[in-house]
PDB file of N, CA and C in Angstrom:
ATOM      1  N   MET A   1    -134.049 -23.237  68.083  1.00  0.00           N
ATOM      2  CA  MET A   1    -134.821 -21.877  68.648  1.00  0.00           C
ATOM      3  C   MET A   1    -133.843 -21.222  68.557  1.00  0.00           C
ATOM      4  N   THR A   2    -133.836 -19.778  67.699  1.00  0.00           N
ATOM      5  CA  THR A   2    -133.197 -19.002  67.811  1.00  0.00           C
ATOM      6  C   THR A   2    -133.111 -17.932  69.104  1.00  0.00           C
ATOM      7  N   LYS A   3    -132.119 -17.652  69.868  1.00  0.00           N
ATOM      8  CA  LYS A   3    -132.329 -16.744  71.036  1.00  0.00           C
ATOM      9  C   LYS A   3    -132.588 -15.421  70.639  1.00  0.00           C
ATOM     10  N   ASN A   4    -133.451 -14.737  71.125  1.00  0.00           N
ATOM     11  CA  ASN A   4    -133.147 -12.642  70.541  1.00  0.00           C
ATOM     12  C   ASN A   4    -132.594 -12.277  71.725  1.00  0.00           C
ATOM     13  N   THR A   5    -131.578 -11.968  70.689  1.00  0.00           N
ATOM     14  CA  THR A   5    -130.631 -10.710  71.797  1.00  0.00           C
ATOM     15  C   THR A   5    -131.111  -9.572  71.692  1.00  0.00           C
ATOM     16  N   GLU A   6    -131.785  -8.965  71.263  1.00  0.00           N
ATOM     17  CA  GLU A   6    -131.871  -7.764  71.000  1.00  0.00           C
ATOM     18  C   GLU A   6    -132.147  -7.125  72.638  1.00  0.00           C
ATOM     19  N   ASP A   7    -132.827  -7.581  73.215  1.00  0.00           N
ATOM     20  CA  ASP A   7    -133.101  -7.054  74.829  1.00  0.00           C
ATOM     21  C   ASP A   7    -132.146  -7.069  75.715  1.00  0.00           C
ATOM     22  N   THR A   8    -130.819  -8.445  75.601  1.00  0.00           N
ATOM     23  CA  THR A   8    -130.000  -8.122  76.719  1.00  0.00           C
ATOM     24  C   THR A   8    -128.077  -7.229  75.573  1.00  0.00           C
ATOM     25  N   THR A   9    -128.487  -6.529  74.622  1.00  0.00           N
ATOM     26  CA  THR A   9    -127.403  -5.678  74.213  1.00  0.00           C
ATOM     27  C   THR A   9    -126.638  -4.926  74.746  1.00  0.00           C
ATOM     28  N   SER A  10    -125.559  -4.927  74.683  1.00  0.00           N
ATOM     29  CA  SER A  10    -124.569  -3.233  75.587  1.00  0.00           C
ATOM     30  C   SER A  10    -124.394  -2.339  74.977  1.00  0.00           C
ATOM     31  N   GLU A  11    -124.777  -2.535  73.484  1.00  0.00           N
ATOM     32  CA  GLU A  11    -124.603  -1.134  73.248  1.00  0.00           C
ATOM     33  C   GLU A  11    -125.981  -0.034  73.308  1.00  0.00           C
ATOM     34  N   TYR A  12    -125.128   1.265  72.726  1.00  0.00           N
ATOM     35  CA  TYR A  12    -125.836   2.477  73.038  1.00  0.00           C
ATOM     36  C   TYR A  12    -125.394   3.184  71.811  1.00  0.00           C
ATOM     37  N   HIS A  13    -126.496   3.520  70.357  1.00  0.00           N
ATOM     38  CA  HIS A  13    -126.239   3.776  69.307  1.00  0.00           C
ATOM     39  C   HIS A  13    -127.248   5.029  69.323  1.00  0.00           C
ATOM     40  N   VAL A  14    -126.070   6.364  69.121  1.00  0.00           N
ATOM     41  CA  VAL A  14    -126.938   7.861  68.612  1.00  0.00           C
ATOM     42  C   VAL A  14    -126.949   7.982  67.135  1.00  0.00           C
ATOM     43  N   ALA A  15    -127.761   8.193  66.681  1.00  0.00           N
ATOM     44  CA  ALA A  15    -127.563   8.764  65.477  1.00  0.00           C
ATOM     45  C   ALA A  15    -128.313  10.034  65.250  1.00  0.00           C
ATOM     46  N   SER A  16    -127.487  11.008  63.947  1.00  0.00           N
ATOM     47  CA  SER A  16    -128.119  12.507  63.924  1.00  0.00           C
ATOM     48  C   SER A  16    -128.621  12.023  62.749  1.00  0.00           C
ATOM     49  N   PHE A  17    -129.762  13.490  62.323  1.00  0.00           N
ATOM     50  CA  PHE A  17    -130.477  13.725  61.114  1.00  0.00           C
ATOM     51  C   PHE A  17    -130.757  14.956  60.825  1.00  0.00           C
ATOM     52  N   VAL A  18    -130.892  15.451  59.586  1.00  0.00           N
ATOM     53  CA  VAL A  18    -131.561  16.462  59.193  1.00  0.00           C
ATOM     54  C   VAL A  18    -133.092  15.956  58.706  1.00  0.00           C
ATOM     55  N   ALA A  19    -134.541  16.371  58.848  1.00  0.00           N
ATOM     56  CA  ALA A  19    -135.667  16.293  58.349  1.00  0.00           C
ATOM     57  C   ALA A  19    -135.694  17.576  57.455  1.00  0.00           C
ATOM     58  N   TYR A  20    -135.996  17.771  56.279  1.00  0.00           N
ATOM     59  CA  TYR A  20    -136.710  18.763  55.782  1.00  0.00           C
ATOM     60  C   TYR A  20    -138.087  18.903  55.444  1.00  0.00           C
ATOM     61  N   PRO A  21    -138.943  19.330  56.537  1.00  0.00           N
ATOM     62  CA  PRO A  21    -140.252  19.282  56.315  1.00  0.00           C
ATOM     63  C   PRO A  21    -140.984  19.983  55.124  1.00  0.00           C
ATOM     64  N   LEU A  22    -142.160  19.749  54.988  1.00  0.00           N
ATOM     65  CA  LEU A  22    -142.924  21.024  54.765  1.00  0.00           C
ATOM     66  C   LEU A  22    -143.493  22.056  55.213  1.00  0.00           C
ATOM     67  N   LEU A  23    -143.091  23.315  55.148  1.00  0.00           N
ATOM     68  CA  LEU A  23    -142.695  24.799  55.519  1.00  0.00           C
ATOM     69  C   LEU A  23    -144.233  24.554  56.288  1.00  0.00           C
ATOM     70  N   ALA A  24    -145.484  24.331  55.631  1.00  0.00           N
ATOM     71  CA  ALA A  24    -146.756  24.578  56.551  1.00  0.00           C
ATOM     72  C   ALA A  24    -147.073  23.302  57.154  1.00  0.00           C
ATOM     73  N   GLN A  25    -146.314  22.385  57.324  1.00  0.00           N
ATOM     74  CA  GLN A  25    -146.794  21.391  58.319  1.00  0.00           C
ATOM     75  C   GLN A  25    -144.975  20.727  59.598  1.00  0.00           C
ATOM     76  N   LEU A  26    -144.436  22.032  59.422  1.00  0.00           N
ATOM     77  CA  LEU A  26    -143.030  22.239  60.428  1.00  0.00           C
ATOM     78  C   LEU A  26    -143.769  21.793  61.739  1.00  0.00           C
ATOM     79  N   ASP A  27    -144.523  22.460  62.513  1.00  0.00           N
ATOM     80  CA  ASP A  27    -144.895  21.900  64.142  1.00  0.00           C
ATOM     81  C   ASP A  27    -145.157  20.945  64.156  1.00  0.00           C
ATOM     82  N   GLU A  28    -145.866  19.973  63.004  1.00  0.00           N
ATOM     83  CA  GLU A  28    -146.650  18.982  63.498  1.00  0.00           C
ATOM     84  C   GLU A  28    -145.228  17.400  63.189  1.00  0.00           C
ATOM     85  N   VAL A  29    -144.572  18.428  62.375  1.00  0.00           N
ATOM     86  CA  VAL A  29    -143.300  17.469  62.292  1.00  0.00           C
ATOM     87  C   VAL A  29    -142.724  17.456  62.943  1.00  0.00           C
ATOM     88  N   LYS A  30    -142.393  18.523  64.082  1.00  0.00           N
ATOM     89  CA  LYS A  30    -141.730  18.448  64.982  1.00  0.00           C
ATOM     90  C   LYS A  30    -142.197  18.094  66.478  1.00  0.00           C
ATOM     91  N   GLN A  31    -143.478  17.737  66.425  1.00  0.00           N
ATOM     92  CA  GLN A  31    -144.530  16.602  67.368  1.00  0.00           C
ATOM     93  C   GLN A  31    -143.859  16.081  67.249  1.00  0.00           C
ATOM     94  N   ALA A  32    -143.807  15.405  66.113  1.00  0.00           N
ATOM     95  CA  ALA A  32    -143.948  13.595  65.277  1.00  0.00           C
ATOM     96  C   ALA A  32    -142.360  13.112  65.966  1.00  0.00           C
ATOM     97  N   ILE A  33    -141.308  14.244  65.605  1.00  0.00           N
ATOM     98  CA  ILE A  33    -139.742  13.522  65.973  1.00  0.00           C
ATOM     99  C   ILE A  33    -139.841  13.463  67.541  1.00  0.00           C
ATOM    100  N   THR A  34    -140.414  14.295  68.393  1.00  0.00           N
ATOM    101  CA  THR A  34    -140.068  14.328  70.038  1.00  0.00           C
ATOM    102  C   THR A  34    -141.125  13.705  70.391  1.00  0.00           C
ATOM    103  N   ASP A  35    -142.289  13.105  69.843  1.00  0.00           N
ATOM    104  CA  ASP A  35    -142.774  11.876  70.057  1.00  0.00           C
ATOM    105  C   ASP A  35    -142.292  10.572  70.375  1.00  0.00           C
ATOM    106  N   VAL A  36    -141.251  10.882  69.839  1.00  0.00           N
ATOM    107  CA  VAL A  36    -140.401   9.285  69.246  1.00  0.00           C
ATOM    108  C   VAL A  36    -139.567   9.325  70.578  1.00  0.00           C
ATOM    109  N   GLU A  37    -139.408   7.916  71.300  1.00  0.00           N
ATOM    110  CA  GLU A  37    -138.695   7.860  72.428  1.00  0.00           C
ATOM    111  C   GLU A  37    -137.761   7.952  72.258  1.00  0.00           C
ATOM    112  N   GLY A  38    -137.027   8.590  73.013  1.00  0.00           N
ATOM    113  CA  GLY A  38    -134.754   9.000  72.456  1.00  0.00           C
ATOM    114  C   GLY A  38    -134.853   9.947  71.560  1.00  0.00           C
ATOM    115  N   SER A  39    -135.581  10.454  70.832  1.00  0.00           N
ATOM    116  CA  SER A  39    -135.390  11.262  70.027  1.00  0.00           C
ATOM    117  C   SER A  39    -135.150  13.081  70.649  1.00  0.00           C
ATOM    118  N   GLU A  40    -134.342  13.549  70.159  1.00  0.00           N
ATOM    119  CA  GLU A  40    -134.537  15.447  70.660  1.00  0.00           C
ATOM    120  C   GLU A  40    -133.951  15.843  69.723  1.00  0.00           C
ATOM    121  N   ILE A  41    -134.718  17.067  69.213  1.00  0.00           N
ATOM    122  CA  ILE A  41    -134.521  18.257  68.287  1.00  0.00           C
ATOM    123  C   ILE A  41    -133.421  19.465  69.319  1.00  0.00           C
ATOM    124  N   HIS A  42    -132.392  19.606  68.025  1.00  0.00           N
ATOM    125  CA  HIS A  42    -131.404  20.617  68.093  1.00  0.00           C
ATOM    126  C   HIS A  42    -131.620  21.584  67.914  1.00  0.00           C
ATOM    127  N   ALA A  43    -131.659  21.742  66.534  1.00  0.00           N
ATOM    128  CA  ALA A  43    -131.545  23.017  65.909  1.00  0.00           C
ATOM    129  C   ALA A  43    -133.045  22.959  64.986  1.00  0.00           C
ATOM    130  N   THR A  44    -133.300  24.310  64.559  1.00  0.00           N
ATOM    131  CA  THR A  44    -134.309  24.128  63.440  1.00  0.00           C
ATOM    132  C   THR A  44    -133.849  25.346  62.540  1.00  0.00           C
ATOM    133  N   SER A  45    -133.358  25.281  61.064  1.00  0.00           N
ATOM    134  CA  SER A  45    -133.416  26.649  60.650  1.00  0.00           C
ATOM    135  C   SER A  45    -134.796  27.206  59.946  1.00  0.00           C
ATOM    136  N   GLU A  46    -134.322  28.784  59.618  1.00  0.00           N
ATOM    137  CA  GLU A  46    -134.945  29.576  58.987  1.00  0.00           C
ATOM    138  C   GLU A  46    -136.226  29.171  58.075  1.00  0.00           C
ATOM    139  N   GLU A  47    -135.171  28.192  57.098  1.00  0.00           N
ATOM    140  CA  GLU A  47    -135.861  27.545  56.445  1.00  0.00           C
ATOM    141  C   GLU A  47    -136.699  26.220  56.687  1.00  0.00           C
ATOM    142  N   GLY A  48    -136.681  25.967  57.947  1.00  0.00           N
ATOM    143  CA  GLY A  48    -137.401  24.728  58.069  1.00  0.00           C
ATOM    144  C   GLY A  48    -136.643  23.210  58.380  1.00  0.00           C
ATOM    145  N   LYS A  49    -135.369  23.292  57.718  1.00  0.00           N
ATOM    146  CA  LYS A  49    -134.689  21.994  58.152  1.00  0.00           C
ATOM    147  C   LYS A  49    -134.414  22.080  59.789  1.00  0.00           C
ATOM    148  N   ILE A  50    -135.003  20.760  60.369  1.00  0.00           N
ATOM    149  CA  ILE A  50    -134.614  20.505  61.805  1.00  0.00           C
ATOM    150  C   ILE A  50    -133.743  19.509  61.333  1.00  0.00           C
ATOM    151  N   VAL A  51    -132.421  19.591  62.557  1.00  0.00           N
ATOM    152  CA  VAL A  51    -131.591  19.038  63.359  1.00  0.00           C
ATOM    153  C   VAL A  51    -131.799  17.942  64.219  1.00  0.00           C
ATOM    154  N   PHE A  52    -131.592  16.449  64.447  1.00  0.00           N
ATOM    155  CA  PHE A  52    -132.282  16.172  65.402  1.00  0.00           C
ATOM    156  C   PHE A  52    -131.114  14.641  65.411  1.00  0.00           C
ATOM    157  N   THR A  53    -131.472  13.932  67.057  1.00  0.00           N
ATOM    158  CA  THR A  53    -130.823  12.724  67.325  1.00  0.00           C
ATOM    159  C   THR A  53    -131.650  11.955  67.627  1.00  0.00           C
ATOM    160  N   ILE A  54    -131.439  10.951  67.340  1.00  0.00           N
ATOM    161  CA  ILE A  54    -132.225   9.310  68.013  1.00  0.00           C
ATOM    162  C   ILE A  54    -131.359   8.684  68.819  1.00  0.00           C
ATOM    163  N   GLU A  55    -131.980   8.170  70.161  1.00  0.00           N
ATOM    164  CA  GLU A  55    -130.767   7.533  70.759  1.00  0.00           C
ATOM    165  C   GLU A  55    -131.725   5.805  70.902  1.00  0.00           C
ATOM    166  N   GLY A  56    -130.430   5.015  71.362  1.00  0.00           N
ATOM    167  CA  GLY A  56    -131.431   3.310  71.229  1.00  0.00           C
ATOM    168  C   GLY A  56    -130.437   2.495  71.230  1.00  0.00           C
ATOM    169  N   ASN A  57    -130.814   1.271  71.150  1.00  0.00           N
ATOM    170  CA  ASN A  57    -129.501   0.044  71.831  1.00  0.00           C
ATOM    171  C   ASN A  57    -129.404  -1.210  70.688  1.00  0.00           C
ATOM    172  N   SER A  58    -129.966  -0.608  69.295  1.00  0.00           N
ATOM    173  CA  SER A  58    -129.270  -1.365  68.587  1.00  0.00           C
ATOM    174  C   SER A  58    -129.271  -0.380  67.065  1.00  0.00           C
ATOM    175  N   TYR A  59    -128.794  -1.371  66.283  1.00  0.00           N
ATOM    176  CA  TYR A  59    -129.338  -0.904  64.727  1.00  0.00           C
ATOM    177  C   TYR A  59    -130.651  -1.329  64.769  1.00  0.00           C
ATOM    178  N   ARG A  60    -131.385  -1.570  64.700  1.00  0.00           N
ATOM    179  CA  ARG A  60    -132.757  -2.149  64.468  1.00  0.00           C
ATOM    180  C   ARG A  60    -133.704  -1.282  65.245  1.00  0.00           C
ATOM    181  N   ASP A  61    -133.525  -1.012  66.276  1.00  0.00           N
ATOM    182  CA  ASP A  61    -134.084   0.089  67.250  1.00  0.00           C
ATOM    183  C   ASP A  61    -134.129   1.786  66.948  1.00  0.00           C
ATOM    184  N   ILE A  62    -132.544   2.109  66.098  1.00  0.00           N
ATOM    185  CA  ILE A  62    -132.717   3.407  65.282  1.00  0.00           C
ATOM    186  C   ILE A  62    -133.182   3.031  64.313  1.00  0.00           C
ATOM    187  N   GLY A  63    -133.370   1.756  63.447  1.00  0.00           N
ATOM    188  CA  GLY A  63    -134.148   1.952  62.105  1.00  0.00           C
ATOM    189  C   GLY A  63    -135.544   2.274  62.138  1.00  0.00           C
ATOM    190  N   THR A  64    -135.674   1.261  62.771  1.00  0.00           N
ATOM    191  CA  THR A  64    -137.389   1.705  63.504  1.00  0.00           C
ATOM    192  C   THR A  64    -137.940   2.837  64.086  1.00  0.00           C
ATOM    193  N   LYS A  65    -137.104   3.585  65.008  1.00  0.00           N
ATOM    194  CA  LYS A  65    -137.415   5.216  65.195  1.00  0.00           C
ATOM    195  C   LYS A  65    -137.457   5.989  64.193  1.00  0.00           C
ATOM    196  N   MET A  66    -136.362   5.837  62.864  1.00  0.00           N
ATOM    197  CA  MET A  66    -136.389   6.279  62.218  1.00  0.00           C
ATOM    198  C   MET A  66    -137.506   6.180  60.673  1.00  0.00           C
ATOM    199  N   ASP A  67    -137.916   5.228  60.864  1.00  0.00           N
ATOM    200  CA  ASP A  67    -138.721   4.481  59.983  1.00  0.00           C
ATOM    201  C   ASP A  67    -140.023   5.458  60.306  1.00  0.00           C
ATOM    202  N   ILE A  68    -140.748   5.313  61.764  1.00  0.00           N
ATOM    203  CA  ILE A  68    -141.663   6.617  62.146  1.00  0.00           C
ATOM    204  C   ILE A  68    -141.948   7.491  62.196  1.00  0.00           C
ATOM    205  N   ILE A  69    -140.243   8.451  61.919  1.00  0.00           N
ATOM    206  CA  ILE A  69    -140.332   9.285  61.406  1.00  0.00           C
ATOM    207  C   ILE A  69    -140.226   9.652  60.459  1.00  0.00           C
ATOM    208  N   ARG A  70    -139.968   8.968  59.315  1.00  0.00           N
ATOM    209  CA  ARG A  70    -139.563   8.911  57.381  1.00  0.00           C
ATOM    210  C   ARG A  70    -141.018   9.099  57.385  1.00  0.00           C
ATOM    211  N   VAL A  71    -142.263   8.380  57.620  1.00  0.00           N
ATOM    212  CA  VAL A  71    -143.397   8.098  56.968  1.00  0.00           C
ATOM    213  C   VAL A  71    -144.166   9.600  57.133  1.00  0.00           C
ATOM    214  N   HIS A  72    -143.797  10.423  58.213  1.00  0.00           N
ATOM    215  CA  HIS A  72    -144.542  11.511  58.335  1.00  0.00           C
ATOM    216  C   HIS A  72    -145.084  11.955  57.300  1.00  0.00           C
ATOM    217  N   LYS A  73    -146.125  12.223  56.727  1.00  0.00           N
ATOM    218  CA  LYS A  73    -146.867  12.888  55.763  1.00  0.00           C
ATOM    219  C   LYS A  73    -146.261  14.259  55.507  1.00  0.00           C
ATOM    220  N   GLY A  74    -145.557  15.110  56.224  1.00  0.00           N
ATOM    221  CA  GLY A  74    -144.964  16.004  55.975  1.00  0.00           C
ATOM    222  C   GLY A  74    -143.432  16.496  55.444  1.00  0.00           C
ATOM    223  N   ILE A  75    -142.894  15.314  55.973  1.00  0.00           N
ATOM    224  CA  ILE A  75    -141.722  14.995  55.419  1.00  0.00           C
ATOM    225  C   ILE A  75    -141.507  14.766  54.062  1.00  0.00           C
ATOM    226  N   ILE A  76    -140.533  16.223  53.589  1.00  0.00           N
ATOM    227  CA  ILE A  76    -140.205  15.468  51.709  1.00  0.00           C
ATOM    228  C   ILE A  76    -138.633  14.850  52.371  1.00  0.00           C
ATOM    229  N   ASN A  77    -137.993  14.709  52.974  1.00  0.00           N
ATOM    230  CA  ASN A  77    -136.529  14.493  52.991  1.00  0.00           C
ATOM    231  C   ASN A  77    -136.215  14.189  54.580  1.00  0.00           C
ATOM    232  N   LEU A  78    -135.510  13.044  54.835  1.00  0.00           N
ATOM    233  CA  LEU A  78    -134.956  12.775  55.783  1.00  0.00           C
ATOM    234  C   LEU A  78    -133.694  12.127  55.371  1.00  0.00           C
ATOM    235  N   SER A  79    -132.621  12.708  55.910  1.00  0.00           N
ATOM    236  CA  SER A  79    -131.175  12.511  55.583  1.00  0.00           C
ATOM    237  C   SER A  79    -130.351  11.767  57.669  1.00  0.00           C
ATOM    238  N   PRO A  80    -129.842  11.075  56.692  1.00  0.00           N
ATOM    239  CA  PRO A  80    -129.268  10.387  58.274  1.00  0.00           C
ATOM    240  C   PRO A  80    -127.387  10.962  57.424  1.00  0.00           C
ATOM    241  N   VAL A  81    -126.571  11.339  58.704  1.00  0.00           N
ATOM    242  CA  VAL A  81    -125.652  12.491  59.107  1.00  0.00           C
ATOM    243  C   VAL A  81    -124.802  11.371  59.789  1.00  0.00           C
ATOM    244  N   TYR A  82    -124.802  10.973  61.112  1.00  0.00           N
ATOM    245  CA  TYR A  82    -123.699  10.666  61.756  1.00  0.00           C
ATOM    246  C   TYR A  82    -124.320   9.065  62.422  1.00  0.00           C
ATOM    247  N   HIS A  83    -123.664   8.269  62.811  1.00  0.00           N
ATOM    248  CA  HIS A  83    -124.558   6.887  63.632  1.00  0.00           C
ATOM    249  C   HIS A  83    -122.575   6.445  64.417  1.00  0.00           C
ATOM    250  N   GLN A  84    -122.644   6.388  65.912  1.00  0.00           N
ATOM    251  CA  GLN A  84    -121.847   6.528  66.723  1.00  0.00           C
ATOM    252  C   GLN A  84    -122.438   4.997  67.403  1.00  0.00           C
ATOM    253  N   ILE A  85    -121.926   3.761  67.768  1.00  0.00           N
ATOM    254  CA  ILE A  85    -122.120   2.876  68.984  1.00  0.00           C
ATOM    255  C   ILE A  85    -120.861   2.792  69.657  1.00  0.00           C
ATOM    256  N   LEU A  86    -121.869   2.525  70.974  1.00  0.00           N
ATOM    257  CA  LEU A  86    -120.845   2.354  72.070  1.00  0.00           C
ATOM    258  C   LEU A  86    -121.025   1.017  73.037  1.00  0.00           C
ATOM    259  N   ASP A  87    -119.907   0.431  73.204  1.00  0.00           N
ATOM    260  CA  ASP A  87    -120.349  -0.817  73.674  1.00  0.00           C
ATOM    261  C   ASP A  87    -119.830  -0.719  75.014  1.00  0.00           C
ATOM    262  N   GLU A  88    -121.486  -0.552  76.084  1.00  0.00           N
ATOM    263  CA  GLU A  88    -121.379  -0.625  77.323  1.00  0.00           C
ATOM    264  C   GLU A  88    -120.793  -1.159  78.182  1.00  0.00           C
ATOM    265  N   SER A  89    -120.426  -2.423  77.560  1.00  0.00           N
ATOM    266  CA  SER A  89    -120.195  -3.374  78.529  1.00  0.00           C
ATOM    267  C   SER A  89    -118.305  -3.348  78.527  1.00  0.00           C
ATOM    268  N   THR A  90    -117.768  -2.672  77.804  1.00  0.00           N
ATOM    269  CA  THR A  90    -116.463  -1.956  77.934  1.00  0.00           C
ATOM    270  C   THR A  90    -116.120  -0.859  77.950  1.00  0.00           C
ATOM    271  N   GLY A  91    -117.106  -0.160  77.804  1.00  0.00           N
ATOM    272  CA  GLY A  91    -117.064   1.538  77.443  1.00  0.00           C
ATOM    273  C   GLY A  91    -116.188   2.160  76.193  1.00  0.00           C
ATOM    274  N   ASP A  92    -115.841   1.043  75.632  1.00  0.00           N
ATOM    275  CA  ASP A  92    -115.229   1.548  73.995  1.00  0.00           C
ATOM    276  C   ASP A  92    -116.427   1.770  72.834  1.00  0.00           C
ATOM    277  N   ASP A  93    -115.625   3.311  72.446  1.00  0.00           N
ATOM    278  CA  ASP A  93    -116.215   3.115  70.983  1.00  0.00           C
ATOM    279  C   ASP A  93    -116.062   2.336  70.227  1.00  0.00           C
ATOM    280  N   VAL A  94    -117.368   1.773  69.361  1.00  0.00           N
ATOM    281  CA  VAL A  94    -117.088   0.955  68.200  1.00  0.00           C
ATOM    282  C   VAL A  94    -117.043   2.010  66.772  1.00  0.00           C
ATOM    283  N   ALA A  95    -116.726   1.517  66.159  1.00  0.00           N
ATOM    284  CA  ALA A  95    -116.762   2.659  65.053  1.00  0.00           C
ATOM    285  C   ALA A  95    -117.686   3.154  64.308  1.00  0.00           C
ATOM    286  N   PRO A  96    -117.610   4.865  64.518  1.00  0.00           N
ATOM    287  CA  PRO A  96    -118.975   5.578  63.863  1.00  0.00           C
ATOM    288  C   PRO A  96    -119.085   5.336  62.590  1.00  0.00           C
ATOM    289  N   LEU A  97    -120.400   5.632  62.328  1.00  0.00           N
ATOM    290  CA  LEU A  97    -121.002   4.918  60.472  1.00  0.00           C
ATOM    291  C   LEU A  97    -121.225   6.278  59.744  1.00  0.00           C
TER     292      LEU A  97
END
């Protein structure tokens, strides 16, 4: 039997994204982003681009949260910008992706 180490990870992940929504659904997309635990919007341009981050404890956690947002019907495109990992057991940064 394989042990699930997902719950015992000492990693902290933060990833940033730019979402390109349909302007008519901008408010709904922003709400969908903020509804995801660990997500925070940092800026919205006049053209409707949304810059936000997602925090999580693993690659899988970030990916799951990203997929929840990505499939929203009001999003045209979701582009990853940056992903950083911190090993909380040592306090060291793991190389950014």
